[in-house]
């Protein structure tokens, strides 16, 4: 599979990760009852607690549909919008310095407790190159990341916690050209 498909995977994964992080962060700000009862609230009720949402489906490609936490393209080349997404469109990273950044000044983002979720599609090319889906540094430069691994864990989703102190890999090789939904929660 070509690099365009691989880049689409990375963008979709980043998007879903950011949405999950937003939902998790909002849940952390509200007190939780010991007993949970399920109600018939509509899904739109959850829109009021999202921190950020990036559908990648419209002309304002990197804008937060929820408002305020827009992504920025900081490298010479930016990912492009393509029509081959899981549900609609996707963002394609070509593997050459494409990066979307949400700056630390973004509103409502908590780096102590968060969740990321994304749909990703990795091409079948057997590369040793690591592809970060979501990554940031915290106190003392300790890295937090969700990546598709290179080196000894090639193709597996990997969670990083603090300068390789905690690194946990799944057993699945995602380089199969199929869509996968992955989630990373840190608390």
N, C-alpha and C. Protein backbone atom coordinates (compact mmCIF):
# COMPACT_ATOMS: atom_id res chain seq x y z
N UNK A 1 0.85 -1.17 0.00
CA UNK A 1 0.00 0.00 0.00
C UNK A 1 0.90 1.23 0.00
N UNK A 2 0.48 2.30 -0.64
CA UNK A 2 1.33 3.48 -0.77
C UNK A 2 1.35 4.32 0.50
N UNK A 3 2.24 5.29 0.52
CA UNK A 3 2.41 6.14 1.70
C UNK A 3 1.20 7.02 1.94
N UNK A 4 0.43 7.32 0.91
CA UNK A 4 -0.77 8.15 1.07
C UNK A 4 -1.77 7.48 2.00
N UNK A 5 -1.95 6.20 1.83
CA UNK A 5 -2.89 5.46 2.67
C UNK A 5 -2.38 5.43 4.11
N UNK A 6 -1.07 5.27 4.26
CA UNK A 6 -0.47 5.26 5.58
C UNK A 6 -0.71 6.59 6.28
N UNK A 7 -0.57 7.65 5.56
CA UNK A 7 -0.77 8.98 6.13
C UNK A 7 -2.23 9.20 6.50
N UNK A 8 -3.14 8.67 5.71
CA UNK A 8 -4.57 8.77 6.04
C UNK A 8 -4.81 8.10 7.38
N UNK A 9 -4.20 6.98 7.56
CA UNK A 9 -4.32 6.25 8.82
C UNK A 9 -3.88 7.10 9.99
N UNK A 10 -2.77 7.75 9.86
CA UNK A 10 -2.25 8.56 10.96
C UNK A 10 -3.19 9.71 11.29
N UNK A 11 -3.76 10.34 10.31
CA UNK A 11 -4.65 11.47 10.56
C UNK A 11 -5.93 11.00 11.22
N UNK A 12 -6.52 9.95 10.72
CA UNK A 12 -7.75 9.43 11.32
C UNK A 12 -7.49 9.01 12.76
N UNK A 13 -6.35 8.38 13.00
CA UNK A 13 -6.01 7.97 14.35
C UNK A 13 -5.87 9.17 15.26
N UNK A 14 -5.19 10.20 14.81
CA UNK A 14 -5.04 11.42 15.60
C UNK A 14 -6.39 12.02 15.92
N UNK A 15 -7.26 12.06 14.94
CA UNK A 15 -8.59 12.64 15.12
C UNK A 15 -9.36 11.89 16.20
N UNK A 16 -9.41 10.59 16.11
CA UNK A 16 -10.17 9.80 17.07
C UNK A 16 -9.54 9.86 18.46
N UNK A 17 -8.23 9.95 18.50
CA UNK A 17 -7.54 10.08 19.78
C UNK A 17 -7.93 11.37 20.46
N UNK A 18 -7.94 12.45 19.70
CA UNK A 18 -8.30 13.75 20.25
C UNK A 18 -9.75 13.77 20.73
N UNK A 19 -10.63 13.15 20.00
CA UNK A 19 -12.03 13.10 20.42
C UNK A 19 -12.17 12.31 21.71
N UNK A 20 -11.51 11.17 21.81
CA UNK A 20 -11.59 10.36 23.02
C UNK A 20 -10.99 11.09 24.21
N UNK A 21 -9.87 11.80 23.98
CA UNK A 21 -9.25 12.57 25.05
C UNK A 21 -10.20 13.62 25.56
N UNK A 22 -10.90 14.25 24.65
CA UNK A 22 -11.85 15.29 25.03
C UNK A 22 -12.96 14.72 25.90
N UNK A 23 -13.51 13.60 25.50
CA UNK A 23 -14.60 12.98 26.26
C UNK A 23 -14.10 12.55 27.64
N UNK A 24 -12.92 11.97 27.68
CA UNK A 24 -12.37 11.52 28.96
C UNK A 24 -12.11 12.71 29.88
N UNK A 25 -11.54 13.78 29.35
CA UNK A 25 -11.24 14.95 30.17
C UNK A 25 -12.51 15.57 30.75
N UNK A 26 -13.53 15.62 29.95
CA UNK A 26 -14.78 16.19 30.43
C UNK A 26 -15.36 15.33 31.54
N UNK A 27 -15.29 14.03 31.36
CA UNK A 27 -15.80 13.13 32.39
C UNK A 27 -15.04 13.29 33.70
N UNK A 28 -13.76 13.63 33.62
CA UNK A 28 -12.95 13.80 34.82
C UNK A 28 -13.31 15.07 35.58
N UNK A 29 -13.87 16.08 34.91
CA UNK A 29 -14.21 17.34 35.55
C UNK A 29 -15.55 17.27 36.30
N UNK A 30 -16.33 16.28 36.05
CA UNK A 30 -17.64 16.15 36.69
C UNK A 30 -17.59 15.02 37.71
N UNK A 31 -18.25 15.21 38.83
CA UNK A 31 -18.27 14.15 39.84
C UNK A 31 -19.06 12.96 39.30
N UNK A 32 -18.60 11.79 39.63
CA UNK A 32 -19.22 10.57 39.14
C UNK A 32 -19.98 9.88 40.27
N UNK A 33 -21.22 9.47 40.06
CA UNK A 33 -21.98 8.77 41.09
C UNK A 33 -21.46 7.34 41.27
N UNK A 34 -21.70 6.76 42.44
CA UNK A 34 -21.29 5.39 42.67
C UNK A 34 -22.14 4.43 41.85
N UNK A 35 -23.41 4.73 41.72
CA UNK A 35 -24.30 3.91 40.91
C UNK A 35 -24.64 4.68 39.65
N UNK A 36 -24.46 4.06 38.54
CA UNK A 36 -24.72 4.73 37.27
C UNK A 36 -25.99 4.16 36.66
N UNK A 37 -26.91 5.03 36.31
CA UNK A 37 -28.12 4.59 35.63
C UNK A 37 -28.09 5.11 34.20
N UNK A 38 -28.55 4.31 33.30
CA UNK A 38 -28.55 4.69 31.89
C UNK A 38 -29.84 5.42 31.57
N UNK A 39 -29.71 6.55 30.87
CA UNK A 39 -30.88 7.33 30.49
C UNK A 39 -31.01 7.36 28.98
N UNK A 40 -32.07 7.97 28.52
CA UNK A 40 -32.32 8.05 27.08
C UNK A 40 -31.85 9.37 26.51
N UNK A 41 -30.80 9.96 27.08
CA UNK A 41 -30.28 11.21 26.54
C UNK A 41 -29.75 11.00 25.13
N UNK A 42 -29.93 11.98 24.30
CA UNK A 42 -29.45 11.87 22.93
C UNK A 42 -27.94 12.03 22.89
N UNK A 43 -27.35 11.53 21.83
CA UNK A 43 -25.90 11.64 21.65
C UNK A 43 -25.47 13.09 21.62
N UNK A 44 -26.30 13.98 21.12
CA UNK A 44 -25.92 15.39 21.04
C UNK A 44 -25.64 15.99 22.41
N UNK A 45 -26.14 15.38 23.49
CA UNK A 45 -25.83 15.86 24.83
C UNK A 45 -24.33 15.82 25.09
N UNK A 46 -23.64 14.86 24.50
CA UNK A 46 -22.21 14.74 24.71
C UNK A 46 -21.43 15.83 24.00
N UNK A 47 -22.02 16.46 23.00
CA UNK A 47 -21.34 17.55 22.31
C UNK A 47 -21.00 18.69 23.25
N UNK A 48 -21.75 18.83 24.32
CA UNK A 48 -21.51 19.91 25.26
C UNK A 48 -20.30 19.68 26.14
N UNK A 49 -19.72 18.48 26.16
CA UNK A 49 -18.58 18.21 27.01
C UNK A 49 -17.30 17.89 26.24
N UNK A 50 -17.34 17.86 24.95
CA UNK A 50 -16.13 17.62 24.16
C UNK A 50 -15.17 18.79 24.29
N UNK A 51 -13.88 18.50 24.33
CA UNK A 51 -12.88 19.56 24.32
C UNK A 51 -12.60 19.95 22.87
N UNK A 52 -12.41 18.95 22.01
CA UNK A 52 -12.11 19.21 20.60
C UNK A 52 -12.68 18.10 19.73
N UNK A 53 -12.95 18.44 18.47
CA UNK A 53 -13.48 17.47 17.51
C UNK A 53 -12.99 17.85 16.12
N UNK A 54 -12.33 16.93 15.44
CA UNK A 54 -11.75 17.19 14.13
C UNK A 54 -12.30 16.19 13.10
N UNK A 55 -13.37 16.54 12.40
CA UNK A 55 -13.97 15.61 11.44
C UNK A 55 -13.19 15.50 10.13
N UNK A 56 -12.32 16.45 9.81
CA UNK A 56 -11.54 16.45 8.57
C UNK A 56 -12.41 16.30 7.33
N UNK A 57 -13.60 16.87 7.33
CA UNK A 57 -14.53 16.69 6.22
C UNK A 57 -14.87 17.96 5.45
N UNK A 58 -14.27 19.07 5.78
CA UNK A 58 -14.69 20.30 5.14
C UNK A 58 -13.50 21.17 4.79
N UNK A 59 -13.76 22.31 4.18
CA UNK A 59 -12.68 23.16 3.67
C UNK A 59 -11.78 23.70 4.77
N UNK A 60 -12.29 23.88 5.96
CA UNK A 60 -11.47 24.33 7.08
C UNK A 60 -10.88 23.09 7.75
N UNK A 61 -10.04 22.39 7.01
CA UNK A 61 -9.54 21.06 7.34
C UNK A 61 -9.01 20.90 8.75
N UNK A 62 -8.22 21.83 9.24
CA UNK A 62 -7.57 21.65 10.53
C UNK A 62 -8.31 22.35 11.67
N UNK A 63 -9.51 22.85 11.40
CA UNK A 63 -10.25 23.56 12.44
C UNK A 63 -11.01 22.61 13.34
N UNK A 64 -11.10 23.00 14.59
CA UNK A 64 -11.85 22.26 15.60
C UNK A 64 -13.33 22.56 15.41
N UNK A 65 -14.12 21.56 15.05
CA UNK A 65 -15.55 21.77 14.82
C UNK A 65 -16.26 22.20 16.10
N UNK A 66 -15.71 21.85 17.23
CA UNK A 66 -16.27 22.26 18.52
C UNK A 66 -15.95 23.73 18.80
N UNK A 67 -14.83 24.20 18.22
CA UNK A 67 -14.45 25.61 18.35
C UNK A 67 -13.25 25.84 19.25
N UNK A 68 -12.28 26.58 18.73
CA UNK A 68 -11.19 27.07 19.55
C UNK A 68 -9.87 26.34 19.50
N UNK A 69 -9.85 25.02 19.47
CA UNK A 69 -8.60 24.27 19.51
C UNK A 69 -8.20 23.80 18.11
N UNK A 70 -7.91 24.75 17.24
CA UNK A 70 -7.55 24.42 15.87
C UNK A 70 -6.16 23.81 15.80
N UNK A 71 -6.00 22.87 14.88
CA UNK A 71 -4.70 22.27 14.64
C UNK A 71 -3.89 23.18 13.72
N UNK A 72 -2.58 23.06 13.79
CA UNK A 72 -1.69 23.86 12.96
C UNK A 72 -0.75 22.94 12.21
N UNK A 73 -0.44 23.30 10.99
CA UNK A 73 0.55 22.58 10.20
C UNK A 73 1.83 23.40 10.28
N UNK A 74 2.91 22.82 10.83
CA UNK A 74 4.12 23.59 11.08
C UNK A 74 5.29 23.24 10.17
N UNK A 75 5.16 22.23 9.37
CA UNK A 75 6.26 21.82 8.50
C UNK A 75 6.03 22.30 7.08
N UNK A 76 7.06 22.17 6.23
CA UNK A 76 6.93 22.67 4.85
C UNK A 76 5.79 22.02 4.07
N UNK A 77 5.47 20.79 4.38
CA UNK A 77 4.36 20.14 3.68
C UNK A 77 3.31 19.74 4.70
N UNK A 78 2.06 19.90 4.33
CA UNK A 78 0.95 19.57 5.22
C UNK A 78 0.23 18.34 4.68
N UNK A 79 -0.42 17.59 5.56
CA UNK A 79 -1.23 16.47 5.08
C UNK A 79 -2.38 17.00 4.23
N UNK A 80 -2.89 16.14 3.37
CA UNK A 80 -3.96 16.57 2.46
C UNK A 80 -5.24 15.79 2.74
N UNK A 81 -6.36 16.37 2.35
CA UNK A 81 -7.66 15.73 2.50
C UNK A 81 -7.88 14.78 1.33
N UNK A 82 -8.29 13.55 1.64
CA UNK A 82 -8.58 12.55 0.62
C UNK A 82 -9.97 11.96 0.88
N UNK A 83 -10.53 11.29 -0.10
CA UNK A 83 -11.88 10.75 -0.01
C UNK A 83 -11.97 9.34 0.55
N UNK A 84 -10.85 8.72 0.87
CA UNK A 84 -10.86 7.31 1.28
C UNK A 84 -10.83 7.12 2.78
N UNK A 85 -11.69 7.79 3.52
CA UNK A 85 -11.74 7.63 4.97
C UNK A 85 -12.60 6.46 5.40
N UNK A 86 -12.60 6.16 6.67
CA UNK A 86 -13.41 5.06 7.21
C UNK A 86 -14.89 5.35 7.03
N UNK A 87 -15.33 6.57 7.36
CA UNK A 87 -16.74 6.92 7.26
C UNK A 87 -17.00 7.98 6.20
N UNK A 88 -16.05 8.81 5.94
CA UNK A 88 -16.19 9.88 4.95
C UNK A 88 -14.81 10.16 4.38
N UNK A 89 -14.22 11.25 4.77
CA UNK A 89 -12.90 11.61 4.27
C UNK A 89 -11.85 11.31 5.33
N UNK A 90 -10.59 11.53 4.96
CA UNK A 90 -9.48 11.31 5.88
C UNK A 90 -8.37 12.29 5.53
N UNK A 91 -7.41 12.40 6.40
CA UNK A 91 -6.23 13.21 6.14
C UNK A 91 -5.09 12.26 5.85
N UNK A 92 -4.36 12.54 4.79
CA UNK A 92 -3.28 11.67 4.33
C UNK A 92 -1.93 12.30 4.65
N UNK A 93 -1.10 11.58 5.36
CA UNK A 93 0.27 12.00 5.63
C UNK A 93 1.18 11.24 4.67
N UNK A 94 2.07 11.96 3.99
CA UNK A 94 2.92 11.31 3.00
C UNK A 94 4.22 10.77 3.57
N UNK A 95 4.45 10.92 4.86
CA UNK A 95 5.65 10.39 5.48
C UNK A 95 6.85 11.31 5.38
N UNK A 96 6.67 12.51 4.85
CA UNK A 96 7.77 13.46 4.71
C UNK A 96 7.44 14.73 5.50
N UNK A 97 7.71 14.73 6.77
CA UNK A 97 7.57 15.88 7.66
C UNK A 97 6.15 16.41 7.80
N UNK A 98 5.14 15.63 7.52
CA UNK A 98 3.76 16.09 7.75
C UNK A 98 3.47 15.99 9.24
N UNK A 99 2.90 17.05 9.78
CA UNK A 99 2.60 17.05 11.21
C UNK A 99 1.50 18.07 11.49
N UNK A 100 0.55 17.68 12.30
CA UNK A 100 -0.48 18.60 12.78
C UNK A 100 -0.28 18.78 14.28
N UNK A 101 -0.32 20.02 14.74
CA UNK A 101 0.01 20.32 16.12
C UNK A 101 -1.13 21.04 16.82
N UNK A 102 -1.43 20.62 18.03
CA UNK A 102 -2.35 21.32 18.91
C UNK A 102 -1.47 21.90 20.01
N UNK A 103 -1.34 23.21 20.04
CA UNK A 103 -0.42 23.86 20.98
C UNK A 103 -0.87 23.71 22.42
N UNK A 104 0.08 23.82 23.34
CA UNK A 104 -0.20 23.64 24.77
C UNK A 104 -1.15 24.69 25.32
N UNK A 105 -1.36 25.77 24.60
CA UNK A 105 -2.28 26.80 25.05
C UNK A 105 -3.73 26.48 24.71
N UNK A 106 -3.96 25.33 24.13
CA UNK A 106 -5.32 24.94 23.75
C UNK A 106 -6.21 24.86 24.99
N UNK A 107 -7.42 25.34 24.86
CA UNK A 107 -8.34 25.38 25.99
C UNK A 107 -8.92 24.03 26.34
N UNK A 108 -9.00 23.74 27.64
CA UNK A 108 -9.67 22.54 28.12
C UNK A 108 -8.86 21.26 28.01
N UNK A 109 -7.60 21.32 27.59
CA UNK A 109 -6.80 20.12 27.42
C UNK A 109 -6.04 19.83 28.71
N UNK A 110 -6.20 18.65 29.24
CA UNK A 110 -5.56 18.23 30.48
C UNK A 110 -4.53 17.16 30.14
N UNK A 111 -3.25 17.42 30.40
CA UNK A 111 -2.22 16.45 30.07
C UNK A 111 -1.96 15.44 31.19
N UNK A 112 -2.71 15.54 32.30
CA UNK A 112 -2.57 14.58 33.39
C UNK A 112 -3.53 13.40 33.24
N UNK A 113 -4.70 13.66 32.67
CA UNK A 113 -5.71 12.62 32.47
C UNK A 113 -6.35 12.87 31.11
N UNK A 114 -6.29 11.87 30.25
CA UNK A 114 -6.82 12.08 28.91
C UNK A 114 -7.10 10.75 28.21
N UNK A 115 -7.81 10.84 27.12
CA UNK A 115 -8.03 9.70 26.24
C UNK A 115 -7.95 10.19 24.81
N UNK A 116 -7.42 9.36 23.95
CA UNK A 116 -7.38 9.62 22.52
C UNK A 116 -8.01 8.42 21.83
N UNK A 117 -8.71 8.67 20.75
CA UNK A 117 -9.25 7.57 19.95
C UNK A 117 -9.16 7.97 18.49
N UNK A 118 -8.91 7.01 17.64
CA UNK A 118 -8.81 7.31 16.21
C UNK A 118 -9.03 6.05 15.39
N UNK A 119 -9.54 6.25 14.20
CA UNK A 119 -9.57 5.19 13.20
C UNK A 119 -8.28 5.34 12.41
N UNK A 120 -7.53 4.27 12.28
CA UNK A 120 -6.26 4.33 11.55
C UNK A 120 -6.22 3.23 10.49
N UNK A 121 -5.53 3.53 9.44
CA UNK A 121 -5.32 2.55 8.37
C UNK A 121 -3.86 2.66 7.96
N UNK A 122 -3.12 1.60 8.25
CA UNK A 122 -1.69 1.59 7.96
C UNK A 122 -1.48 0.77 6.69
N UNK A 123 -0.63 1.29 5.80
CA UNK A 123 -0.41 0.53 4.57
C UNK A 123 0.35 -0.76 4.89
N UNK A 124 0.43 -1.63 3.92
CA UNK A 124 1.03 -2.94 4.13
C UNK A 124 2.54 -2.93 3.94
N UNK A 125 3.12 -1.79 3.64
CA UNK A 125 4.57 -1.67 3.49
C UNK A 125 5.22 -2.04 4.82
N UNK A 126 6.17 -2.94 4.78
CA UNK A 126 6.83 -3.40 6.00
C UNK A 126 8.03 -2.51 6.31
N UNK A 127 7.75 -1.36 6.88
CA UNK A 127 8.77 -0.37 7.20
C UNK A 127 9.15 -0.45 8.66
N UNK A 128 10.39 -0.11 8.98
CA UNK A 128 10.82 -0.04 10.37
C UNK A 128 10.61 1.35 10.96
N UNK A 129 10.01 2.24 10.18
CA UNK A 129 9.80 3.61 10.62
C UNK A 129 8.60 3.69 11.56
N UNK A 130 8.77 4.42 12.67
CA UNK A 130 7.69 4.61 13.64
C UNK A 130 6.82 5.77 13.21
N UNK A 131 5.52 5.63 13.38
CA UNK A 131 4.61 6.72 13.07
C UNK A 131 3.82 7.10 14.30
N UNK A 132 4.06 8.30 14.82
CA UNK A 132 3.32 8.75 16.00
C UNK A 132 1.92 9.16 15.59
N UNK A 133 0.95 8.76 16.36
CA UNK A 133 -0.43 9.15 16.12
C UNK A 133 -0.75 10.36 16.98
N UNK A 134 -0.38 10.31 18.23
CA UNK A 134 -0.54 11.44 19.14
C UNK A 134 0.65 11.42 20.08
N UNK A 135 1.21 12.59 20.33
CA UNK A 135 2.40 12.64 21.17
C UNK A 135 2.51 14.01 21.82
N UNK A 136 2.94 14.02 23.07
CA UNK A 136 3.24 15.28 23.74
C UNK A 136 4.22 15.02 24.87
N UNK A 137 4.84 16.09 25.35
CA UNK A 137 5.75 15.97 26.48
C UNK A 137 5.13 16.64 27.68
N UNK A 138 5.52 16.17 28.83
CA UNK A 138 4.98 16.65 30.09
C UNK A 138 6.14 17.09 30.97
N UNK A 139 5.91 17.31 32.24
CA UNK A 139 6.94 17.75 33.18
C UNK A 139 8.26 17.02 32.96
N UNK A 140 9.34 17.78 32.85
CA UNK A 140 10.66 17.19 32.68
C UNK A 140 10.86 16.55 31.32
N UNK A 141 10.02 16.85 30.35
CA UNK A 141 10.17 16.30 29.02
C UNK A 141 9.73 14.86 28.89
N UNK A 142 9.01 14.34 29.86
CA UNK A 142 8.55 12.95 29.79
C UNK A 142 7.51 12.81 28.69
N UNK A 143 7.75 11.90 27.82
CA UNK A 143 6.95 11.74 26.62
C UNK A 143 5.72 10.87 26.88
N UNK A 144 4.59 11.29 26.30
CA UNK A 144 3.37 10.50 26.28
C UNK A 144 3.03 10.32 24.81
N UNK A 145 2.79 9.10 24.38
CA UNK A 145 2.53 8.92 22.96
C UNK A 145 1.74 7.65 22.68
N UNK A 146 1.04 7.69 21.58
CA UNK A 146 0.43 6.52 20.98
C UNK A 146 1.01 6.47 19.58
N UNK A 147 1.62 5.37 19.22
CA UNK A 147 2.31 5.28 17.93
C UNK A 147 2.09 3.92 17.30
N UNK A 148 2.34 3.87 16.00
CA UNK A 148 2.45 2.61 15.29
C UNK A 148 3.94 2.34 15.23
N UNK A 149 4.38 1.27 15.85
CA UNK A 149 5.79 1.05 16.12
C UNK A 149 6.61 0.65 14.91
N UNK A 150 7.87 1.00 14.99
CA UNK A 150 8.91 0.52 14.09
C UNK A 150 9.77 -0.43 14.91
N UNK A 151 11.01 -0.59 14.57
CA UNK A 151 12.01 -1.43 15.23
C UNK A 151 11.45 -2.79 15.64
N UNK A 152 11.71 -3.24 16.86
CA UNK A 152 11.32 -4.60 17.28
C UNK A 152 9.82 -4.82 17.38
N UNK A 153 9.04 -3.75 17.47
CA UNK A 153 7.58 -3.87 17.61
C UNK A 153 6.87 -3.46 16.31
N UNK A 154 7.48 -3.64 15.19
CA UNK A 154 6.99 -3.14 13.92
C UNK A 154 5.52 -3.42 13.67
N UNK A 155 4.79 -2.33 13.37
CA UNK A 155 3.39 -2.42 13.00
C UNK A 155 2.41 -2.50 14.15
N UNK A 156 2.89 -2.59 15.37
CA UNK A 156 2.01 -2.75 16.53
C UNK A 156 1.68 -1.39 17.14
N UNK A 157 0.46 -1.22 17.66
CA UNK A 157 0.17 0.01 18.40
C UNK A 157 0.93 -0.03 19.73
N UNK A 158 1.61 1.08 20.03
CA UNK A 158 2.46 1.15 21.21
C UNK A 158 2.09 2.38 22.03
N UNK A 159 2.00 2.21 23.35
CA UNK A 159 1.79 3.32 24.28
C UNK A 159 3.12 3.64 24.94
N UNK A 160 3.49 4.91 24.95
CA UNK A 160 4.71 5.35 25.61
C UNK A 160 4.34 6.18 26.83
N UNK A 161 5.06 5.96 27.91
CA UNK A 161 4.84 6.75 29.12
C UNK A 161 6.20 7.11 29.71
N UNK A 162 6.61 8.36 29.58
CA UNK A 162 7.80 8.87 30.25
C UNK A 162 9.13 8.30 29.84
N UNK A 163 9.67 8.79 28.73
CA UNK A 163 11.04 8.47 28.31
C UNK A 163 11.36 6.98 28.31
N UNK A 164 10.50 6.20 27.71
CA UNK A 164 10.68 4.75 27.56
C UNK A 164 10.57 3.98 28.87
N UNK A 165 10.23 4.65 29.98
CA UNK A 165 10.07 3.96 31.26
C UNK A 165 8.91 2.97 31.15
N UNK A 166 7.81 3.41 30.62
CA UNK A 166 6.68 2.53 30.40
C UNK A 166 6.38 2.48 28.92
N UNK A 167 6.55 1.35 28.32
CA UNK A 167 6.27 1.20 26.90
C UNK A 167 5.53 -0.12 26.74
N UNK A 168 4.31 -0.03 26.25
CA UNK A 168 3.46 -1.21 26.17
C UNK A 168 2.97 -1.40 24.75
N UNK A 169 3.23 -2.55 24.20
CA UNK A 169 2.84 -2.82 22.82
C UNK A 169 1.76 -3.90 22.78
N UNK A 170 0.86 -3.76 21.83
CA UNK A 170 -0.14 -4.75 21.55
C UNK A 170 0.51 -5.84 20.70
N UNK A 171 -0.12 -6.96 20.54
CA UNK A 171 0.46 -8.05 19.75
C UNK A 171 0.08 -7.99 18.28
N UNK A 172 -0.87 -7.13 17.91
CA UNK A 172 -1.37 -7.09 16.53
C UNK A 172 -0.49 -6.23 15.64
N UNK A 173 -0.24 -6.68 14.43
CA UNK A 173 0.46 -5.89 13.42
C UNK A 173 -0.62 -5.20 12.59
N UNK A 174 -0.68 -3.87 12.69
CA UNK A 174 -1.73 -3.12 12.01
C UNK A 174 -1.43 -2.82 10.55
N UNK A 175 -0.31 -3.27 10.03
CA UNK A 175 0.05 -2.99 8.64
C UNK A 175 -0.64 -3.97 7.70
N UNK A 176 -1.96 -3.95 7.71
CA UNK A 176 -2.72 -4.89 6.90
C UNK A 176 -3.65 -4.20 5.90
N UNK A 177 -3.59 -2.86 5.81
CA UNK A 177 -4.42 -2.13 4.87
C UNK A 177 -5.88 -2.03 5.27
N UNK A 178 -6.22 -2.42 6.51
CA UNK A 178 -7.59 -2.37 7.01
C UNK A 178 -7.72 -1.24 8.04
N UNK A 179 -8.95 -0.79 8.26
CA UNK A 179 -9.21 0.23 9.26
C UNK A 179 -9.28 -0.41 10.64
N UNK A 180 -8.62 0.24 11.63
CA UNK A 180 -8.62 -0.22 13.01
C UNK A 180 -8.98 0.96 13.91
N UNK A 181 -9.80 0.70 14.93
CA UNK A 181 -10.13 1.74 15.90
C UNK A 181 -9.25 1.51 17.12
N UNK A 182 -8.42 2.50 17.44
CA UNK A 182 -7.55 2.35 18.60
C UNK A 182 -7.82 3.47 19.60
N UNK A 183 -7.65 3.14 20.87
CA UNK A 183 -7.94 4.08 21.95
C UNK A 183 -6.80 4.01 22.97
N UNK A 184 -6.41 5.17 23.48
CA UNK A 184 -5.38 5.30 24.50
C UNK A 184 -5.95 6.15 25.62
N UNK A 185 -5.98 5.61 26.83
CA UNK A 185 -6.47 6.35 27.99
C UNK A 185 -5.37 6.41 29.03
N UNK A 186 -5.13 7.59 29.57
CA UNK A 186 -4.12 7.79 30.61
C UNK A 186 -4.75 8.51 31.78
N UNK A 187 -4.60 7.94 32.97
CA UNK A 187 -5.16 8.55 34.17
C UNK A 187 -4.17 8.43 35.30
